[in-house]
Amino acid sequence: MKRRHDLQMAVAGLIRPLLSPDVLFCIDREEPFEADHLPAINLSRLSDSVKEAAAQGGMVQQRRQLMLSLDLYAEGESRYALLDVIEGDIYRALLTLGDACLGQGETIMIGGAEFDQETLLAVVCATRIPITIDYTITL
């Protein structure tokens, strides 16, 4: 559905300007990151579910939740400090804009960052930041 893609691109548009040129930014990247790709961020779409549906004069209106994930990757001694800075900038950009950030009344919620240290590459630090967008569509 085009609406999901539009929302994902809107979030990407908010995040991309925050990043320095040396941070690789990807959308729905599936292949693993190599050391020379880092630091990197991958904005992935996880799921989209219907929260509620109602009939409105012959049309159906659905409240939906789009789940996105911001996956941050870095390596080296200073990787945690680098990811903390990127994470803080992302939180400020998305949360300070409130409901109007995507221009259509959607609400963005950001979950706490989760660190994944269970990878084969122990030198790479991966952080996942879950993003939920509540939005409404009319069918």
Protein backbone atom coordinates (compact mmCIF):
# COMPACT_ATOMS: atom_id res chain seq x y z
CA MET A 1 0.00 0.00 0.00
CA LYS A 2 1.37 3.37 -1.03
CA ARG A 3 0.56 5.02 2.32
CA ARG A 4 3.01 2.78 4.18
CA HIS A 5 5.76 3.65 1.76
CA ASP A 6 4.96 7.37 2.02
CA LEU A 7 5.19 7.22 5.82
CA GLN A 8 8.49 5.34 5.71
CA MET A 9 9.91 7.89 3.26
CA ALA A 10 8.69 10.75 5.49
CA VAL A 11 10.55 9.27 8.48
CA ALA A 12 13.63 8.78 6.29
CA GLY A 13 13.36 12.42 5.24
CA LEU A 14 13.41 13.50 8.90
CA ILE A 15 16.41 11.35 9.78
CA ARG A 16 18.68 11.70 6.74
CA PRO A 17 19.54 15.43 7.29
CA LEU A 18 20.72 14.64 10.85
CA LEU A 19 23.48 12.34 9.69
CA SER A 20 27.02 13.27 8.80
CA PRO A 21 28.18 12.27 5.30
CA ASP A 22 30.23 9.36 6.66
CA VAL A 23 27.11 7.56 8.00
CA LEU A 24 25.62 5.19 5.42
CA PHE A 25 21.81 5.45 5.34
CA CYS A 26 19.80 2.54 3.90
CA ILE A 27 16.13 1.67 3.58
CA ASP A 28 15.07 -1.98 3.94
CA ARG A 29 18.59 -3.26 3.38
CA GLU A 30 18.73 -7.03 3.71
CA GLU A 31 22.39 -7.84 3.09
CA PRO A 32 24.79 -7.60 6.04
CA PHE A 33 27.00 -4.58 6.58
CA GLU A 34 30.74 -4.97 6.13
CA ALA A 35 33.28 -3.07 8.23
CA ASP A 36 33.89 -0.51 5.48
CA HIS A 37 30.15 0.34 5.41
CA LEU A 38 30.10 1.46 9.06
CA PRO A 39 28.75 3.53 10.71
CA ALA A 40 25.40 2.79 9.10
CA ILE A 41 21.67 3.09 9.70
CA ASN A 42 19.00 0.87 8.15
CA LEU A 43 15.35 1.98 8.29
CA SER A 44 13.26 -1.20 7.94
CA ARG A 45 9.53 -1.75 7.75
CA LEU A 46 8.58 -4.50 10.20
CA SER A 47 4.77 -4.77 10.04
CA ASP A 48 1.51 -2.94 9.55
CA SER A 49 -1.58 -3.96 11.52
CA VAL A 50 -5.17 -2.79 11.76
CA LYS A 51 -6.08 -1.42 15.20
CA GLU A 52 -9.72 -0.66 14.50
CA ALA A 53 -12.10 -0.45 11.54
CA ALA A 54 -15.43 1.37 11.22
CA ALA A 55 -18.01 1.91 8.47
CA GLN A 56 -18.50 5.56 7.54
CA GLY A 57 -21.30 6.17 4.96
CA GLY A 58 -20.42 3.33 2.59
CA MET A 59 -16.66 3.64 3.16
CA VAL A 60 -14.42 1.88 5.64
CA GLN A 61 -12.03 3.78 7.84
CA GLN A 62 -9.17 1.92 9.46
CA ARG A 63 -6.83 2.99 12.21
CA ARG A 64 -3.52 1.30 11.58
CA GLN A 65 -0.11 0.94 13.18
CA LEU A 66 3.00 0.87 11.03
CA MET A 67 6.03 -0.61 12.77
CA LEU A 68 9.45 0.57 11.61
CA SER A 69 12.90 -0.20 12.95
CA LEU A 70 15.98 1.99 12.92
CA ASP A 71 18.99 -0.30 13.09
CA LEU A 72 22.27 1.47 13.89
CA TYR A 73 25.63 -0.16 13.28
CA ALA A 74 29.13 0.97 14.25
CA GLU A 75 32.45 -0.52 15.27
CA GLY A 76 35.61 0.37 17.15
CA GLU A 77 36.42 1.76 20.57
CA SER A 78 34.14 4.78 20.28
CA ARG A 79 31.12 3.00 18.79
CA TYR A 80 28.87 3.44 21.83
CA ALA A 81 29.50 7.19 22.02
CA LEU A 82 28.82 7.54 18.28
CA LEU A 83 25.56 5.61 18.48
CA ASP A 84 24.48 7.59 21.55
CA VAL A 85 24.90 10.84 19.60
CA ILE A 86 23.01 9.53 16.56
CA GLU A 87 20.27 8.08 18.76
CA GLY A 88 19.85 11.34 20.68
CA ASP A 89 19.58 13.38 17.47
CA ILE A 90 16.94 10.99 16.09
CA TYR A 91 14.86 11.10 19.27
CA ARG A 92 14.95 14.90 19.33
CA ALA A 93 14.02 15.20 15.66
CA LEU A 94 11.09 12.79 15.78
CA LEU A 95 9.68 13.49 19.23
CA THR A 96 9.89 17.28 19.24
CA LEU A 97 7.85 17.47 16.04
CA GLY A 98 4.87 15.77 17.67
CA ASP A 99 1.75 14.79 15.71
CA ALA A 100 2.40 17.24 12.90
CA CYS A 101 5.75 15.77 11.88
CA LEU A 102 4.39 13.87 8.91
CA GLY A 103 1.81 16.46 7.97
CA GLN A 104 -1.30 14.25 8.14
CA GLY A 105 -2.03 13.94 11.85
CA GLU A 106 -0.10 10.72 12.32
CA THR A 107 1.40 10.03 15.73
CA ILE A 108 4.96 8.77 16.06
CA MET A 109 6.02 6.76 19.10
CA ILE A 110 9.61 5.66 19.67
CA GLY A 111 10.49 2.73 21.87
CA GLY A 112 13.64 2.31 23.89
CA ALA A 113 16.83 1.31 22.11
CA GLU A 114 17.79 -2.37 22.28
CA PHE A 115 21.45 -3.37 21.95
CA ASP A 116 22.17 -6.60 20.11
CA GLN A 117 25.52 -8.06 21.12
CA GLU A 118 24.72 -11.59 19.96
CA THR A 119 26.30 -11.39 16.53
CA LEU A 120 29.22 -13.26 15.07
CA LEU A 121 31.04 -9.96 14.67
CA ALA A 122 31.72 -8.97 18.26
CA VAL A 123 33.39 -5.74 17.13
CA VAL A 124 30.15 -4.45 15.61
CA CYS A 125 27.64 -2.78 17.90
CA ALA A 126 24.03 -2.93 16.67
CA THR A 127 21.22 -0.88 18.19
CA ARG A 128 17.56 -1.24 17.23
CA ILE A 129 15.16 1.65 17.83
CA PRO A 130 11.52 0.66 17.28
CA ILE A 131 9.23 3.30 15.75
CA THR A 132 5.43 3.01 15.68
CA ILE A 133 3.26 5.30 13.56
CA ASP A 134 -0.50 5.42 14.14
CA TYR A 135 -2.38 6.53 11.06
CA THR A 136 -5.82 6.28 9.45
CA ILE A 137 -6.79 5.19 5.93
CA THR A 138 -10.15 5.31 4.17
CA LEU A 139 -11.08 2.44 1.82
